[in-house]
PDB file of N, CA and C in Angstrom:
ATOM      1  N   UNK A   1     -55.138 -54.350 -12.847  1.00  0.00           N
ATOM      2  CA  UNK A   1     -54.516 -53.620 -11.763  1.00  0.00           C
ATOM      3  C   UNK A   1     -55.057 -52.211 -11.723  1.00  0.00           C
ATOM      4  N   UNK A   2     -55.223 -51.721 -10.554  1.00  0.00           N
ATOM      5  CA  UNK A   2     -55.789 -50.395 -10.375  1.00  0.00           C
ATOM      6  C   UNK A   2     -54.819 -49.335 -10.873  1.00  0.00           C
ATOM      7  N   UNK A   3     -55.333 -48.418 -11.678  1.00  0.00           N
ATOM      8  CA  UNK A   3     -54.536 -47.293 -12.120  1.00  0.00           C
ATOM      9  C   UNK A   3     -53.656 -47.571 -13.320  1.00  0.00           C
ATOM     10  N   UNK A   4     -53.721 -48.756 -13.893  1.00  0.00           N
ATOM     11  CA  UNK A   4     -52.903 -49.032 -15.058  1.00  0.00           C
ATOM     12  C   UNK A   4     -53.719 -48.813 -16.319  1.00  0.00           C
ATOM     13  N   UNK A   5     -53.035 -48.423 -17.364  1.00  0.00           N
ATOM     14  CA  UNK A   5     -53.699 -48.218 -18.644  1.00  0.00           C
ATOM     15  C   UNK A   5     -53.889 -49.550 -19.339  1.00  0.00           C
ATOM     16  N   UNK A   6     -54.979 -49.647 -20.085  1.00  0.00           N
ATOM     17  CA  UNK A   6     -55.166 -50.814 -20.922  1.00  0.00           C
ATOM     18  C   UNK A   6     -54.239 -50.672 -22.125  1.00  0.00           C
ATOM     19  N   UNK A   7     -53.569 -51.747 -22.450  1.00  0.00           N
ATOM     20  CA  UNK A   7     -52.710 -51.715 -23.619  1.00  0.00           C
ATOM     21  C   UNK A   7     -53.291 -52.627 -24.683  1.00  0.00           C
ATOM     22  N   UNK A   8     -53.092 -52.247 -25.927  1.00  0.00           N
ATOM     23  CA  UNK A   8     -53.549 -53.073 -27.028  1.00  0.00           C
ATOM     24  C   UNK A   8     -52.526 -54.173 -27.249  1.00  0.00           C
ATOM     25  N   UNK A   9     -53.011 -55.378 -27.301  1.00  0.00           N
ATOM     26  CA  UNK A   9     -52.135 -56.518 -27.539  1.00  0.00           C
ATOM     27  C   UNK A   9     -52.524 -57.156 -28.850  1.00  0.00           C
ATOM     28  N   UNK A  10     -51.570 -57.688 -29.538  1.00  0.00           N
ATOM     29  CA  UNK A  10     -51.883 -58.400 -30.772  1.00  0.00           C
ATOM     30  C   UNK A  10     -51.934 -59.897 -30.541  1.00  0.00           C
ATOM     31  N   UNK A  11     -51.398 -60.354 -29.426  1.00  0.00           N
ATOM     32  CA  UNK A  11     -51.423 -61.778 -29.106  1.00  0.00           C
ATOM     33  C   UNK A  11     -52.096 -61.994 -27.755  1.00  0.00           C
ATOM     34  N   UNK A  12     -52.904 -63.051 -27.654  1.00  0.00           N
ATOM     35  CA  UNK A  12     -53.515 -63.346 -26.356  1.00  0.00           C
ATOM     36  C   UNK A  12     -52.472 -63.886 -25.392  1.00  0.00           C
ATOM     37  N   UNK A  13     -52.669 -63.614 -24.143  1.00  0.00           N
ATOM     38  CA  UNK A  13     -51.785 -64.137 -23.109  1.00  0.00           C
ATOM     39  C   UNK A  13     -52.398 -65.407 -22.526  1.00  0.00           C
ATOM     40  N   UNK A  14     -53.701 -65.493 -22.552  1.00  0.00           N
ATOM     41  CA  UNK A  14     -54.426 -66.615 -21.961  1.00  0.00           C
ATOM     42  C   UNK A  14     -54.572 -67.763 -22.954  1.00  0.00           C
ATOM     43  N   UNK A  15     -54.730 -68.949 -22.407  1.00  0.00           N
ATOM     44  CA  UNK A  15     -55.011 -70.122 -23.235  1.00  0.00           C
ATOM     45  C   UNK A  15     -56.509 -70.409 -23.187  1.00  0.00           C
ATOM     46  N   UNK A  16     -56.976 -71.182 -24.146  1.00  0.00           N
ATOM     47  CA  UNK A  16     -58.385 -71.558 -24.165  1.00  0.00           C
ATOM     48  C   UNK A  16     -58.749 -72.319 -22.895  1.00  0.00           C
ATOM     49  N   UNK A  17     -57.912 -73.262 -22.496  1.00  0.00           N
ATOM     50  CA  UNK A  17     -58.229 -74.041 -21.296  1.00  0.00           C
ATOM     51  C   UNK A  17     -58.198 -73.164 -20.042  1.00  0.00           C
ATOM     52  N   UNK A  18     -57.344 -72.170 -20.005  1.00  0.00           N
ATOM     53  CA  UNK A  18     -57.314 -71.247 -18.874  1.00  0.00           C
ATOM     54  C   UNK A  18     -58.583 -70.417 -18.789  1.00  0.00           C
ATOM     55  N   UNK A  19     -59.066 -69.954 -19.939  1.00  0.00           N
ATOM     56  CA  UNK A  19     -60.304 -69.171 -19.955  1.00  0.00           C
ATOM     57  C   UNK A  19     -61.503 -70.025 -19.585  1.00  0.00           C
ATOM     58  N   UNK A  20     -61.539 -71.263 -20.072  1.00  0.00           N
ATOM     59  CA  UNK A  20     -62.627 -72.179 -19.707  1.00  0.00           C
ATOM     60  C   UNK A  20     -62.626 -72.393 -18.199  1.00  0.00           C
ATOM     61  N   UNK A  21     -61.462 -72.644 -17.651  1.00  0.00           N
ATOM     62  CA  UNK A  21     -61.343 -72.869 -16.212  1.00  0.00           C
ATOM     63  C   UNK A  21     -61.796 -71.640 -15.423  1.00  0.00           C
ATOM     64  N   UNK A  22     -61.364 -70.462 -15.858  1.00  0.00           N
ATOM     65  CA  UNK A  22     -61.748 -69.227 -15.179  1.00  0.00           C
ATOM     66  C   UNK A  22     -63.264 -69.011 -15.239  1.00  0.00           C
ATOM     67  N   UNK A  23     -63.850 -69.241 -16.393  1.00  0.00           N
ATOM     68  CA  UNK A  23     -65.302 -69.087 -16.513  1.00  0.00           C
ATOM     69  C   UNK A  23     -66.031 -70.015 -15.553  1.00  0.00           C
ATOM     70  N   UNK A  24     -65.605 -71.269 -15.474  1.00  0.00           N
ATOM     71  CA  UNK A  24     -66.272 -72.204 -14.572  1.00  0.00           C
ATOM     72  C   UNK A  24     -66.042 -71.869 -13.097  1.00  0.00           C
ATOM     73  N   UNK A  25     -64.885 -71.326 -12.763  1.00  0.00           N
ATOM     74  CA  UNK A  25     -64.665 -70.878 -11.381  1.00  0.00           C
ATOM     75  C   UNK A  25     -65.628 -69.740 -11.046  1.00  0.00           C
ATOM     76  N   UNK A  26     -65.781 -68.810 -11.976  1.00  0.00           N
ATOM     77  CA  UNK A  26     -66.710 -67.695 -11.753  1.00  0.00           C
ATOM     78  C   UNK A  26     -68.150 -68.175 -11.677  1.00  0.00           C
ATOM     79  N   UNK A  27     -68.501 -69.144 -12.520  1.00  0.00           N
ATOM     80  CA  UNK A  27     -69.846 -69.722 -12.479  1.00  0.00           C
ATOM     81  C   UNK A  27     -70.115 -70.303 -11.102  1.00  0.00           C
ATOM     82  N   UNK A  28     -69.180 -71.088 -10.609  1.00  0.00           N
ATOM     83  CA  UNK A  28     -69.370 -71.729  -9.309  1.00  0.00           C
ATOM     84  C   UNK A  28     -69.495 -70.691  -8.185  1.00  0.00           C
ATOM     85  N   UNK A  29     -68.565 -69.763  -8.128  1.00  0.00           N
ATOM     86  CA  UNK A  29     -68.591 -68.770  -7.052  1.00  0.00           C
ATOM     87  C   UNK A  29     -69.843 -67.897  -7.127  1.00  0.00           C
ATOM     88  N   UNK A  30     -70.271 -67.565  -8.327  1.00  0.00           N
ATOM     89  CA  UNK A  30     -71.477 -66.744  -8.487  1.00  0.00           C
ATOM     90  C   UNK A  30     -72.714 -67.523  -8.077  1.00  0.00           C
ATOM     91  N   UNK A  31     -72.799 -68.769  -8.482  1.00  0.00           N
ATOM     92  CA  UNK A  31     -73.972 -69.567  -8.136  1.00  0.00           C
ATOM     93  C   UNK A  31     -74.047 -69.848  -6.640  1.00  0.00           C
ATOM     94  N   UNK A  32     -72.912 -69.780  -5.955  1.00  0.00           N
ATOM     95  CA  UNK A  32     -72.880 -69.974  -4.509  1.00  0.00           C
ATOM     96  C   UNK A  32     -73.113 -68.666  -3.752  1.00  0.00           C
ATOM     97  N   UNK A  33     -73.278 -67.563  -4.481  1.00  0.00           N
ATOM     98  CA  UNK A  33     -73.502 -66.260  -3.851  1.00  0.00           C
ATOM     99  C   UNK A  33     -72.247 -65.647  -3.266  1.00  0.00           C
ATOM    100  N   UNK A  34     -71.083 -66.095  -3.718  1.00  0.00           N
ATOM    101  CA  UNK A  34     -69.816 -65.617  -3.165  1.00  0.00           C
ATOM    102  C   UNK A  34     -69.276 -64.389  -3.886  1.00  0.00           C
ATOM    103  N   UNK A  35     -69.818 -64.087  -5.058  1.00  0.00           N
ATOM    104  CA  UNK A  35     -69.363 -62.932  -5.830  1.00  0.00           C
ATOM    105  C   UNK A  35     -70.550 -62.078  -6.233  1.00  0.00           C
ATOM    106  N   UNK A  36     -70.332 -60.795  -6.283  1.00  0.00           N
ATOM    107  CA  UNK A  36     -71.352 -59.851  -6.731  1.00  0.00           C
ATOM    108  C   UNK A  36     -71.599 -60.054  -8.223  1.00  0.00           C
ATOM    109  N   UNK A  37     -72.838 -60.261  -8.625  1.00  0.00           N
ATOM    110  CA  UNK A  37     -73.134 -60.495 -10.044  1.00  0.00           C
ATOM    111  C   UNK A  37     -72.688 -59.357 -10.964  1.00  0.00           C
ATOM    112  N   UNK A  38     -72.723 -58.131 -10.473  1.00  0.00           N
ATOM    113  CA  UNK A  38     -72.278 -57.005 -11.297  1.00  0.00           C
ATOM    114  C   UNK A  38     -70.761 -57.073 -11.536  1.00  0.00           C
ATOM    115  N   UNK A  39     -70.015 -57.443 -10.517  1.00  0.00           N
ATOM    116  CA  UNK A  39     -68.574 -57.624 -10.657  1.00  0.00           C
ATOM    117  C   UNK A  39     -68.286 -58.735 -11.656  1.00  0.00           C
ATOM    118  N   UNK A  40     -68.998 -59.840 -11.527  1.00  0.00           N
ATOM    119  CA  UNK A  40     -68.788 -60.984 -12.409  1.00  0.00           C
ATOM    120  C   UNK A  40     -69.107 -60.604 -13.852  1.00  0.00           C
ATOM    121  N   UNK A  41     -70.170 -59.849 -14.049  1.00  0.00           N
ATOM    122  CA  UNK A  41     -70.516 -59.389 -15.399  1.00  0.00           C
ATOM    123  C   UNK A  41     -69.376 -58.555 -15.983  1.00  0.00           C
ATOM    124  N   UNK A  42     -68.818 -57.662 -15.186  1.00  0.00           N
ATOM    125  CA  UNK A  42     -67.715 -56.818 -15.662  1.00  0.00           C
ATOM    126  C   UNK A  42     -66.462 -57.638 -15.965  1.00  0.00           C
ATOM    127  N   UNK A  43     -66.164 -58.608 -15.117  1.00  0.00           N
ATOM    128  CA  UNK A  43     -65.027 -59.493 -15.369  1.00  0.00           C
ATOM    129  C   UNK A  43     -65.282 -60.298 -16.643  1.00  0.00           C
ATOM    130  N   UNK A  44     -66.527 -60.692 -16.845  1.00  0.00           N
ATOM    131  CA  UNK A  44     -66.888 -61.420 -18.047  1.00  0.00           C
ATOM    132  C   UNK A  44     -66.596 -60.639 -19.315  1.00  0.00           C
ATOM    133  N   UNK A  45     -66.803 -59.353 -19.285  1.00  0.00           N
ATOM    134  CA  UNK A  45     -66.489 -58.516 -20.457  1.00  0.00           C
ATOM    135  C   UNK A  45     -65.007 -58.604 -20.803  1.00  0.00           C
ATOM    136  N   UNK A  46     -64.164 -58.597 -19.789  1.00  0.00           N
ATOM    137  CA  UNK A  46     -62.718 -58.714 -20.011  1.00  0.00           C
ATOM    138  C   UNK A  46     -62.384 -60.100 -20.568  1.00  0.00           C
ATOM    139  N   UNK A  47     -63.006 -61.119 -20.005  1.00  0.00           N
ATOM    140  CA  UNK A  47     -62.765 -62.489 -20.470  1.00  0.00           C
ATOM    141  C   UNK A  47     -63.208 -62.632 -21.924  1.00  0.00           C
ATOM    142  N   UNK A  48     -64.353 -62.079 -22.266  1.00  0.00           N
ATOM    143  CA  UNK A  48     -64.839 -62.183 -23.644  1.00  0.00           C
ATOM    144  C   UNK A  48     -63.909 -61.450 -24.610  1.00  0.00           C
ATOM    145  N   UNK A  49     -63.342 -60.335 -24.194  1.00  0.00           N
ATOM    146  CA  UNK A  49     -62.359 -59.636 -25.035  1.00  0.00           C
ATOM    147  C   UNK A  49     -61.134 -60.515 -25.261  1.00  0.00           C
ATOM    148  N   UNK A  50     -60.715 -61.176 -24.223  1.00  0.00           N
ATOM    149  CA  UNK A  50     -59.568 -62.085 -24.337  1.00  0.00           C
ATOM    150  C   UNK A  50     -59.911 -63.269 -25.247  1.00  0.00           C
ATOM    151  N   UNK A  51     -61.139 -63.761 -25.160  1.00  0.00           N
ATOM    152  CA  UNK A  51     -61.567 -64.857 -26.027  1.00  0.00           C
ATOM    153  C   UNK A  51     -61.540 -64.429 -27.496  1.00  0.00           C
ATOM    154  N   UNK A  52     -62.003 -63.231 -27.773  1.00  0.00           N
ATOM    155  CA  UNK A  52     -61.985 -62.725 -29.144  1.00  0.00           C
ATOM    156  C   UNK A  52     -60.559 -62.605 -29.660  1.00  0.00           C
ATOM    157  N   UNK A  53     -59.678 -62.108 -28.817  1.00  0.00           N
ATOM    158  CA  UNK A  53     -58.277 -61.983 -29.189  1.00  0.00           C
ATOM    159  C   UNK A  53     -57.670 -63.358 -29.445  1.00  0.00           C
ATOM    160  N   UNK A  54     -57.992 -64.298 -28.604  1.00  0.00           N
ATOM    161  CA  UNK A  54     -57.498 -65.665 -28.758  1.00  0.00           C
ATOM    162  C   UNK A  54     -57.982 -66.261 -30.081  1.00  0.00           C
ATOM    163  N   UNK A  55     -59.253 -66.062 -30.386  1.00  0.00           N
ATOM    164  CA  UNK A  55     -59.823 -66.616 -31.619  1.00  0.00           C
ATOM    165  C   UNK A  55     -59.184 -66.012 -32.861  1.00  0.00           C
ATOM    166  N   UNK A  56     -58.931 -64.725 -32.826  1.00  0.00           N
ATOM    167  CA  UNK A  56     -58.395 -64.072 -34.019  1.00  0.00           C
ATOM    168  C   UNK A  56     -56.888 -64.274 -34.172  1.00  0.00           C
ATOM    169  N   UNK A  57     -56.175 -64.407 -33.073  1.00  0.00           N
ATOM    170  CA  UNK A  57     -54.715 -64.466 -33.148  1.00  0.00           C
ATOM    171  C   UNK A  57     -54.150 -65.875 -33.226  1.00  0.00           C
ATOM    172  N   UNK A  58     -54.742 -66.806 -32.496  1.00  0.00           N
ATOM    173  CA  UNK A  58     -54.091 -68.116 -32.419  1.00  0.00           C
ATOM    174  C   UNK A  58     -54.902 -69.259 -33.018  1.00  0.00           C
ATOM    175  N   UNK A  59     -56.115 -68.989 -33.462  1.00  0.00           N
ATOM    176  CA  UNK A  59     -56.959 -70.009 -34.074  1.00  0.00           C
ATOM    177  C   UNK A  59     -56.983 -71.304 -33.260  1.00  0.00           C
ATOM    178  N   UNK A  60     -57.676 -71.282 -32.096  1.00  0.00           N
ATOM    179  CA  UNK A  60     -57.745 -72.484 -31.264  1.00  0.00           C
ATOM    180  C   UNK A  60     -58.452 -73.629 -31.996  1.00  0.00           C
ATOM    181  N   UNK A  61     -58.228 -74.836 -31.529  1.00  0.00           N
ATOM    182  CA  UNK A  61     -58.840 -76.017 -32.141  1.00  0.00           C
ATOM    183  C   UNK A  61     -60.359 -75.965 -31.982  1.00  0.00           C
ATOM    184  N   UNK A  62     -61.033 -76.792 -32.759  1.00  0.00           N
ATOM    185  CA  UNK A  62     -62.492 -76.867 -32.677  1.00  0.00           C
ATOM    186  C   UNK A  62     -62.934 -77.339 -31.296  1.00  0.00           C
ATOM    187  N   UNK A  63     -62.194 -78.267 -30.712  1.00  0.00           N
ATOM    188  CA  UNK A  63     -62.512 -78.757 -29.371  1.00  0.00           C
ATOM    189  C   UNK A  63     -62.413 -77.615 -28.359  1.00  0.00           C
ATOM    190  N   UNK A  64     -61.331 -76.835 -28.437  1.00  0.00           N
ATOM    191  CA  UNK A  64     -61.179 -75.694 -27.535  1.00  0.00           C
ATOM    192  C   UNK A  64     -62.299 -74.681 -27.726  1.00  0.00           C
ATOM    193  N   UNK A  65     -62.671 -74.437 -28.987  1.00  0.00           N
ATOM    194  CA  UNK A  65     -63.752 -73.481 -29.255  1.00  0.00           C
ATOM    195  C   UNK A  65     -65.077 -73.986 -28.707  1.00  0.00           C
ATOM    196  N   UNK A  66     -65.336 -75.264 -28.846  1.00  0.00           N
ATOM    197  CA  UNK A  66     -66.569 -75.832 -28.295  1.00  0.00           C
ATOM    198  C   UNK A  66     -66.596 -75.706 -26.778  1.00  0.00           C
ATOM    199  N   UNK A  67     -65.473 -75.984 -26.145  1.00  0.00           N
ATOM    200  CA  UNK A  67     -65.393 -75.859 -24.688  1.00  0.00           C
ATOM    201  C   UNK A  67     -65.566 -74.408 -24.246  1.00  0.00           C
ATOM    202  N   UNK A  68     -64.973 -73.489 -24.988  1.00  0.00           N
ATOM    203  CA  UNK A  68     -65.136 -72.061 -24.670  1.00  0.00           C
ATOM    204  C   UNK A  68     -66.590 -71.629 -24.816  1.00  0.00           C
ATOM    205  N   UNK A  69     -67.227 -72.049 -25.896  1.00  0.00           N
ATOM    206  CA  UNK A  69     -68.639 -71.680 -26.103  1.00  0.00           C
ATOM    207  C   UNK A  69     -69.526 -72.252 -25.008  1.00  0.00           C
ATOM    208  N   UNK A  70     -69.273 -73.493 -24.630  1.00  0.00           N
ATOM    209  CA  UNK A  70     -70.066 -74.126 -23.578  1.00  0.00           C
ATOM    210  C   UNK A  70     -69.872 -73.404 -22.240  1.00  0.00           C
ATOM    211  N   UNK A  71     -68.630 -73.088 -21.904  1.00  0.00           N
ATOM    212  CA  UNK A  71     -68.347 -72.380 -20.649  1.00  0.00           C
ATOM    213  C   UNK A  71     -68.957 -70.980 -20.671  1.00  0.00           C
ATOM    214  N   UNK A  72     -68.859 -70.292 -21.803  1.00  0.00           N
ATOM    215  CA  UNK A  72     -69.421 -68.945 -21.915  1.00  0.00           C
ATOM    216  C   UNK A  72     -70.942 -68.977 -21.799  1.00  0.00           C
ATOM    217  N   UNK A  73     -71.561 -69.987 -22.371  1.00  0.00           N
ATOM    218  CA  UNK A  73     -73.013 -70.122 -22.280  1.00  0.00           C
ATOM    219  C   UNK A  73     -73.440 -70.326 -20.825  1.00  0.00           C
ATOM    220  N   UNK A  74     -72.756 -71.195 -20.132  1.00  0.00           N
ATOM    221  CA  UNK A  74     -73.063 -71.450 -18.716  1.00  0.00           C
ATOM    222  C   UNK A  74     -72.833 -70.184 -17.896  1.00  0.00           C
ATOM    223  N   UNK A  75     -71.740 -69.488 -18.185  1.00  0.00           N
ATOM    224  CA  UNK A  75     -71.421 -68.238 -17.501  1.00  0.00           C
ATOM    225  C   UNK A  75     -72.552 -67.230 -17.687  1.00  0.00           C
ATOM    226  N   UNK A  76     -72.984 -67.054 -18.933  1.00  0.00           N
ATOM    227  CA  UNK A  76     -74.069 -66.105 -19.219  1.00  0.00           C
ATOM    228  C   UNK A  76     -75.347 -66.475 -18.472  1.00  0.00           C
ATOM    229  N   UNK A  77     -75.676 -67.758 -18.435  1.00  0.00           N
ATOM    230  CA  UNK A  77     -76.867 -68.229 -17.719  1.00  0.00           C
ATOM    231  C   UNK A  77     -76.808 -67.862 -16.239  1.00  0.00           C
ATOM    232  N   UNK A  78     -75.687 -68.164 -15.622  1.00  0.00           N
ATOM    233  CA  UNK A  78     -75.550 -67.948 -14.172  1.00  0.00           C
ATOM    234  C   UNK A  78     -75.542 -66.461 -13.845  1.00  0.00           C
ATOM    235  N   UNK A  79     -74.860 -65.660 -14.648  1.00  0.00           N
ATOM    236  CA  UNK A  79     -74.835 -64.216 -14.400  1.00  0.00           C
ATOM    237  C   UNK A  79     -76.227 -63.629 -14.577  1.00  0.00           C
ATOM    238  N   UNK A  80     -76.934 -64.050 -15.607  1.00  0.00           N
ATOM    239  CA  UNK A  80     -78.295 -63.561 -15.817  1.00  0.00           C
ATOM    240  C   UNK A  80     -79.197 -63.949 -14.647  1.00  0.00           C
ATOM    241  N   UNK A  81     -79.102 -65.187 -14.205  1.00  0.00           N
ATOM    242  CA  UNK A  81     -79.915 -65.653 -13.081  1.00  0.00           C
ATOM    243  C   UNK A  81     -79.580 -64.859 -11.813  1.00  0.00           C
ATOM    244  N   UNK A  82     -78.300 -64.637 -11.547  1.00  0.00           N
ATOM    245  CA  UNK A  82     -77.894 -63.916 -10.336  1.00  0.00           C
ATOM    246  C   UNK A  82     -78.339 -62.452 -10.388  1.00  0.00           C
ATOM    247  N   UNK A  83     -78.188 -61.819 -11.545  1.00  0.00           N
ATOM    248  CA  UNK A  83     -78.613 -60.420 -11.669  1.00  0.00           C
ATOM    249  C   UNK A  83     -80.131 -60.307 -11.581  1.00  0.00           C
ATOM    250  N   UNK A  84     -80.856 -61.268 -12.148  1.00  0.00           N
ATOM    251  CA  UNK A  84     -82.313 -61.273 -12.052  1.00  0.00           C
ATOM    252  C   UNK A  84     -82.754 -61.422 -10.601  1.00  0.00           C
ATOM    253  N   UNK A  85     -82.057 -62.259  -9.881  1.00  0.00           N
ATOM    254  CA  UNK A  85     -82.368 -62.455  -8.467  1.00  0.00           C
ATOM    255  C   UNK A  85     -82.197 -61.157  -7.683  1.00  0.00           C
ATOM    256  N   UNK A  86     -81.141 -60.399  -8.005  1.00  0.00           N
ATOM    257  CA  UNK A  86     -80.947 -59.106  -7.344  1.00  0.00           C
ATOM    258  C   UNK A  86     -82.123 -58.170  -7.616  1.00  0.00           C
ATOM    259  N   UNK A  87     -82.585 -58.143  -8.859  1.00  0.00           N
ATOM    260  CA  UNK A  87     -83.711 -57.277  -9.210  1.00  0.00           C
ATOM    261  C   UNK A  87     -84.997 -57.709  -8.516  1.00  0.00           C
ATOM    262  N   UNK A  88     -85.221 -59.000  -8.463  1.00  0.00           N
ATOM    263  CA  UNK A  88     -86.419 -59.509  -7.788  1.00  0.00           C
ATOM    264  C   UNK A  88     -86.372 -59.186  -6.299  1.00  0.00           C
ATOM    265  N   UNK A  89     -85.204 -59.368  -5.683  1.00  0.00           N
ATOM    266  CA  UNK A  89     -85.059 -59.035  -4.259  1.00  0.00           C
ATOM    267  C   UNK A  89     -85.300 -57.548  -4.006  1.00  0.00           C
ATOM    268  N   UNK A  90     -84.781 -56.690  -4.875  1.00  0.00           N
ATOM    269  CA  UNK A  90     -84.989 -55.246  -4.718  1.00  0.00           C
ATOM    270  C   UNK A  90     -86.472 -54.905  -4.870  1.00  0.00           C
ATOM    271  N   UNK A  91     -87.122 -55.513  -5.842  1.00  0.00           N
ATOM    272  CA  UNK A  91     -88.555 -55.284  -6.048  1.00  0.00           C
ATOM    273  C   UNK A  91     -89.343 -55.724  -4.824  1.00  0.00           C
ATOM    274  N   UNK A  92     -89.015 -56.884  -4.287  1.00  0.00           N
ATOM    275  CA  UNK A  92     -89.725 -57.387  -3.111  1.00  0.00           C
ATOM    276  C   UNK A  92     -89.515 -56.495  -1.893  1.00  0.00           C
ATOM    277  N   UNK A  93     -88.342 -55.918  -1.756  1.00  0.00           N
ATOM    278  CA  UNK A  93     -88.089 -55.010  -0.631  1.00  0.00           C
ATOM    279  C   UNK A  93     -88.907 -53.737  -0.761  1.00  0.00           C
ATOM    280  N   UNK A  94     -89.118 -53.302  -1.991  1.00  0.00           N
ATOM    281  CA  UNK A  94     -89.931 -52.104  -2.210  1.00  0.00           C
ATOM    282  C   UNK A  94     -91.394 -52.405  -1.909  1.00  0.00           C
ATOM    283  N   UNK A  95     -91.857 -53.560  -2.357  1.00  0.00           N
ATOM    284  CA  UNK A  95     -93.269 -53.912  -2.169  1.00  0.00           C
ATOM    285  C   UNK A  95     -93.579 -54.348  -0.742  1.00  0.00           C
ATOM    286  N   UNK A  96     -92.616 -54.923  -0.055  1.00  0.00           N
ATOM    287  CA  UNK A  96     -92.820 -55.392   1.313  1.00  0.00           C
ATOM    288  C   UNK A  96     -91.597 -55.005   2.146  1.00  0.00           C
ATOM    289  N   UNK A  97     -91.567 -53.752   2.641  1.00  0.00           N
ATOM    290  CA  UNK A  97     -90.377 -53.268   3.332  1.00  0.00           C
ATOM    291  C   UNK A  97     -90.103 -53.918   4.685  1.00  0.00           C
ATOM    292  N   UNK A  98     -90.941 -54.782   5.133  1.00  0.00           N
ATOM    293  CA  UNK A  98     -90.678 -55.451   6.399  1.00  0.00           C
ATOM    294  C   UNK A  98     -91.757 -55.183   7.419  1.00  0.00           C
ATOM    295  N   UNK A  99     -91.525 -55.610   8.656  1.00  0.00           N
ATOM    296  CA  UNK A  99     -92.555 -55.519   9.694  1.00  0.00           C
ATOM    297  C   UNK A  99     -92.903 -54.088  10.103  1.00  0.00           C
ATOM    298  N   UNK A 100     -92.042 -53.122   9.826  1.00  0.00           N
ATOM    299  CA  UNK A 100     -92.298 -51.771  10.320  1.00  0.00           C
ATOM    300  C   UNK A 100     -93.072 -50.890   9.347  1.00  0.00           C
ATOM    301  N   UNK A 101     -93.024 -51.221   8.047  1.00  0.00           N
ATOM    302  CA  UNK A 101     -93.586 -50.295   7.078  1.00  0.00           C
ATOM    303  C   UNK A 101     -94.883 -50.753   6.470  1.00  0.00           C
ATOM    304  N   UNK A 102     -95.516 -49.812   5.792  1.00  0.00           N
ATOM    305  CA  UNK A 102     -96.748 -50.122   5.083  1.00  0.00           C
ATOM    306  C   UNK A 102     -96.433 -50.791   3.775  1.00  0.00           C
ATOM    307  N   UNK A 103     -97.202 -51.731   3.449  1.00  0.00           N
ATOM    308  CA  UNK A 103     -96.999 -52.501   2.217  1.00  0.00           C
ATOM    309  C   UNK A 103     -97.554 -51.698   1.041  1.00  0.00           C
ATOM    310  N   UNK A 104     -96.794 -51.737  -0.084  1.00  0.00           N
ATOM    311  CA  UNK A 104     -97.194 -50.997  -1.262  1.00  0.00           C
ATOM    312  C   UNK A 104     -97.887 -51.892  -2.294  1.00  0.00           C
ATOM    313  N   UNK A 105     -98.357 -53.021  -1.872  1.00  0.00           N
ATOM    314  CA  UNK A 105     -98.994 -53.940  -2.816  1.00  0.00           C
ATOM    315  C   UNK A 105    -100.365 -53.422  -3.214  1.00  0.00           C
ATOM    316  N   UNK A 106    -100.744 -53.704  -4.437  1.00  0.00           N
ATOM    317  CA  UNK A 106    -102.058 -53.275  -4.902  1.00  0.00           C
ATOM    318  C   UNK A 106    -103.114 -54.273  -4.459  1.00  0.00           C
ATOM    319  N   UNK A 107    -104.309 -53.794  -4.234  1.00  0.00           N
ATOM    320  CA  UNK A 107    -105.410 -54.645  -3.767  1.00  0.00           C
ATOM    321  C   UNK A 107    -106.402 -54.832  -4.854  1.00  0.00           C
TER     322      UNK A 107
END
């Protein structure tokens, strides 16, 4: 929430299955171009903090941990791909600004 202070918690509020579900929702929306990759990366930092808290406080089952690792791996892949795409698009706009400008490509 905007304007609220972060509070230190000793217990996670989220469940492993909830975090897995959230990661996959973000993966899908990001891969569809519906979310800004920078926003998703920042949300991912919060999710990873919650995952660490969950691991240390409630000791999830091995199955839950495997599912979390798999979802986090997929999340990282998609965010990296989306952010790389942004960089490539920016580079291409600089090198080829469109029909009106001079191209900066080397010959």
